């Protein structure tokens, strides 16, 4: 029986999988987690189901600098919301929210 990954790793993996789905394999060039915080009300709780993740990656091969994002992850509901972070360090107003539903699109084409 496989051992379950720690929740902080599950949160990072969920964000990486979503961004790989959105941007493709090349979209995750030099994916880097800069900050990882549990958000269940208990500081430094590794069993938290809610996480804030600040991460960056190079969107394309020709990108000169990485793009930074703030993601909020709810593991037990498989929800990821994120905003791009501007140069001043503030999240943009435009937030995207995704609910991960596994197996839903298998075999279906539009």
C-alpha atoms as a PDB file:
ATOM      1  CA  UNK A   1       0.000   0.000   0.000  1.00  0.00           C
ATOM      2  CA  UNK A   2       1.391   3.391  -1.011  1.00  0.00           C
ATOM      3  CA  UNK A   3       1.935   5.913   1.732  1.00  0.00           C
ATOM      4  CA  UNK A   4      -0.007   9.182   1.374  1.00  0.00           C
ATOM      5  CA  UNK A   5       2.092  12.259   0.600  1.00  0.00           C
ATOM      6  CA  UNK A   6       2.270  15.055   3.190  1.00  0.00           C
ATOM      7  CA  UNK A   7      -0.458  17.667   2.696  1.00  0.00           C
ATOM      8  CA  UNK A   8       1.974  20.458   1.780  1.00  0.00           C
ATOM      9  CA  UNK A   9       3.342  18.274  -1.051  1.00  0.00           C
ATOM     10  CA  UNK A  10      -0.218  17.444  -2.164  1.00  0.00           C
ATOM     11  CA  UNK A  11      -0.983  21.186  -2.344  1.00  0.00           C
ATOM     12  CA  UNK A  12       2.123  21.912  -4.433  1.00  0.00           C
ATOM     13  CA  UNK A  13       1.418  18.937  -6.716  1.00  0.00           C
ATOM     14  CA  UNK A  14      -2.175  20.100  -7.273  1.00  0.00           C
ATOM     15  CA  UNK A  15      -0.986  23.568  -8.327  1.00  0.00           C
ATOM     16  CA  UNK A  16       1.742  22.139 -10.581  1.00  0.00           C
ATOM     17  CA  UNK A  17      -0.690  19.712 -12.256  1.00  0.00           C
ATOM     18  CA  UNK A  18      -3.178  22.523 -12.896  1.00  0.00           C
ATOM     19  CA  UNK A  19      -0.523  24.809 -14.377  1.00  0.00           C
ATOM     20  CA  UNK A  20       0.850  21.991 -16.501  1.00  0.00           C
ATOM     21  CA  UNK A  21      -2.685  21.378 -17.800  1.00  0.00           C
ATOM     22  CA  UNK A  22      -3.170  25.089 -18.568  1.00  0.00           C
ATOM     23  CA  UNK A  23       0.284  25.905 -19.999  1.00  0.00           C
ATOM     24  CA  UNK A  24       1.564  22.516 -21.171  1.00  0.00           C
ATOM     25  CA  UNK A  25       4.851  20.842 -20.301  1.00  0.00           C
ATOM     26  CA  UNK A  26       6.951  23.860 -21.251  1.00  0.00           C
ATOM     27  CA  UNK A  27       4.843  26.120 -19.040  1.00  0.00           C
ATOM     28  CA  UNK A  28       6.433  24.695 -15.927  1.00  0.00           C
ATOM     29  CA  UNK A  29       9.987  25.610 -16.777  1.00  0.00           C
ATOM     30  CA  UNK A  30      11.810  26.305 -13.552  1.00  0.00           C
ATOM     31  CA  UNK A  31       8.664  26.097 -11.406  1.00  0.00           C
ATOM     32  CA  UNK A  32       9.709  27.452  -8.019  1.00  0.00           C
ATOM     33  CA  UNK A  33       7.800  27.588  -4.731  1.00  0.00           C
ATOM     34  CA  UNK A  34       8.746  30.733  -2.826  1.00  0.00           C
ATOM     35  CA  UNK A  35       6.367  30.509   0.129  1.00  0.00           C
ATOM     36  CA  UNK A  36       4.029  27.849   1.504  1.00  0.00           C
ATOM     37  CA  UNK A  37       1.654  28.602   4.397  1.00  0.00           C
ATOM     38  CA  UNK A  38      -1.086  26.503   5.997  1.00  0.00           C
ATOM     39  CA  UNK A  39      -4.352  28.446   6.369  1.00  0.00           C
ATOM     40  CA  UNK A  40      -6.533  26.349   8.716  1.00  0.00           C
ATOM     41  CA  UNK A  41      -6.028  28.821  11.549  1.00  0.00           C
ATOM     42  CA  UNK A  42      -3.133  26.927  13.161  1.00  0.00           C
ATOM     43  CA  UNK A  43       0.327  28.276  12.257  1.00  0.00           C
ATOM     44  CA  UNK A  44       2.741  25.754  10.732  1.00  0.00           C
ATOM     45  CA  UNK A  45       0.118  22.985  10.668  1.00  0.00           C
ATOM     46  CA  UNK A  46       1.399  20.329   8.218  1.00  0.00           C
ATOM     47  CA  UNK A  47      -2.024  18.590   8.299  1.00  0.00           C
ATOM     48  CA  UNK A  48      -3.865  21.660   7.021  1.00  0.00           C
ATOM     49  CA  UNK A  49      -6.302  21.253   4.127  1.00  0.00           C
ATOM     50  CA  UNK A  50      -5.973  24.931   3.140  1.00  0.00           C
ATOM     51  CA  UNK A  51      -2.703  26.396   1.832  1.00  0.00           C
ATOM     52  CA  UNK A  52      -1.423  29.667   0.383  1.00  0.00           C
ATOM     53  CA  UNK A  53       1.394  29.164  -2.087  1.00  0.00           C
ATOM     54  CA  UNK A  54       3.499  31.861  -3.724  1.00  0.00           C
ATOM     55  CA  UNK A  55       5.269  30.406  -6.724  1.00  0.00           C
ATOM     56  CA  UNK A  56       6.821  31.445  -9.998  1.00  0.00           C
ATOM     57  CA  UNK A  57       7.669  29.919 -13.352  1.00  0.00           C
ATOM     58  CA  UNK A  58       8.734  30.933 -16.837  1.00  0.00           C
ATOM     59  CA  UNK A  59       5.665  30.947 -19.101  1.00  0.00           C
ATOM     60  CA  UNK A  60       7.607  30.323 -22.307  1.00  0.00           C
ATOM     61  CA  UNK A  61      11.090  29.447 -23.491  1.00  0.00           C
ATOM     62  CA  UNK A  62      11.644  33.096 -24.426  1.00  0.00           C
ATOM     63  CA  UNK A  63      10.504  34.559 -21.081  1.00  0.00           C
ATOM     64  CA  UNK A  64      13.142  36.833 -19.585  1.00  0.00           C
ATOM     65  CA  UNK A  65      11.745  36.690 -16.042  1.00  0.00           C
ATOM     66  CA  UNK A  66       9.472  34.320 -14.181  1.00  0.00           C
ATOM     67  CA  UNK A  67       5.837  35.212 -13.553  1.00  0.00           C
ATOM     68  CA  UNK A  68       4.777  35.134  -9.887  1.00  0.00           C
ATOM     69  CA  UNK A  69       1.435  33.867  -8.613  1.00  0.00           C
ATOM     70  CA  UNK A  70      -0.438  33.537  -5.333  1.00  0.00           C
ATOM     71  CA  UNK A  71      -2.464  30.321  -5.190  1.00  0.00           C
ATOM     72  CA  UNK A  72      -4.982  29.350  -2.543  1.00  0.00           C
ATOM     73  CA  UNK A  73      -5.557  25.609  -2.333  1.00  0.00           C
ATOM     74  CA  UNK A  74      -8.356  23.718  -0.561  1.00  0.00           C
ATOM     75  CA  UNK A  75      -7.165  20.115  -0.671  1.00  0.00           C
ATOM     76  CA  UNK A  76     -10.262  18.256   0.535  1.00  0.00           C
ATOM     77  CA  UNK A  77     -12.391  20.002  -2.146  1.00  0.00           C
ATOM     78  CA  UNK A  78      -9.603  20.064  -4.781  1.00  0.00           C
ATOM     79  CA  UNK A  79     -10.096  23.791  -5.403  1.00  0.00           C
ATOM     80  CA  UNK A  80      -7.263  26.020  -6.611  1.00  0.00           C
ATOM     81  CA  UNK A  81      -7.665  29.777  -7.023  1.00  0.00           C
ATOM     82  CA  UNK A  82      -4.845  32.013  -8.144  1.00  0.00           C
ATOM     83  CA  UNK A  83      -3.865  35.563  -9.034  1.00  0.00           C
ATOM     84  CA  UNK A  84      -0.819  36.831 -10.838  1.00  0.00           C
ATOM     85  CA  UNK A  85       1.352  38.994  -8.565  1.00  0.00           C
ATOM     86  CA  UNK A  86       2.513  42.310 -10.013  1.00  0.00           C
ATOM     87  CA  UNK A  87       5.964  43.854  -9.612  1.00  0.00           C
ATOM     88  CA  UNK A  88       4.893  45.641  -6.411  1.00  0.00           C
ATOM     89  CA  UNK A  89       4.063  42.261  -4.839  1.00  0.00           C
ATOM     90  CA  UNK A  90       0.280  42.683  -4.857  1.00  0.00           C
ATOM     91  CA  UNK A  91      -2.092  40.118  -6.401  1.00  0.00           C
ATOM     92  CA  UNK A  92      -3.995  41.323  -9.459  1.00  0.00           C
ATOM     93  CA  UNK A  93      -7.742  41.822  -9.237  1.00  0.00           C
ATOM     94  CA  UNK A  94      -8.419  39.059 -11.747  1.00  0.00           C
ATOM     95  CA  UNK A  95      -8.691  35.768  -9.838  1.00  0.00           C
ATOM     96  CA  UNK A  96      -9.159  32.397 -11.516  1.00  0.00           C
ATOM     97  CA  UNK A  97     -10.783  29.540  -9.628  1.00  0.00           C
ATOM     98  CA  UNK A  98     -10.594  25.860 -10.635  1.00  0.00           C
ATOM     99  CA  UNK A  99     -12.192  22.765  -9.136  1.00  0.00           C
ATOM    100  CA  UNK A 100     -10.270  19.640 -10.090  1.00  0.00           C
ATOM    101  CA  UNK A 101     -12.596  16.812 -11.131  1.00  0.00           C
ATOM    102  CA  UNK A 102     -10.663  13.690 -12.015  1.00  0.00           C
ATOM    103  CA  UNK A 103     -11.833  11.453 -14.849  1.00  0.00           C
ATOM    104  CA  UNK A 104     -14.655  13.776 -15.901  1.00  0.00           C
ATOM    105  CA  UNK A 105     -13.269  14.530 -19.396  1.00  0.00           C
ATOM    106  CA  UNK A 106     -11.861  11.109 -20.216  1.00  0.00           C
ATOM    107  CA  UNK A 107     -13.052   9.967 -23.614  1.00  0.00           C
ATOM    108  CA  UNK A 108     -15.095  13.105 -24.290  1.00  0.00           C
ATOM    109  CA  UNK A 109     -14.369  15.479 -27.133  1.00  0.00           C
ATOM    110  CA  UNK A 110     -15.962  18.737 -28.132  1.00  0.00           C
END
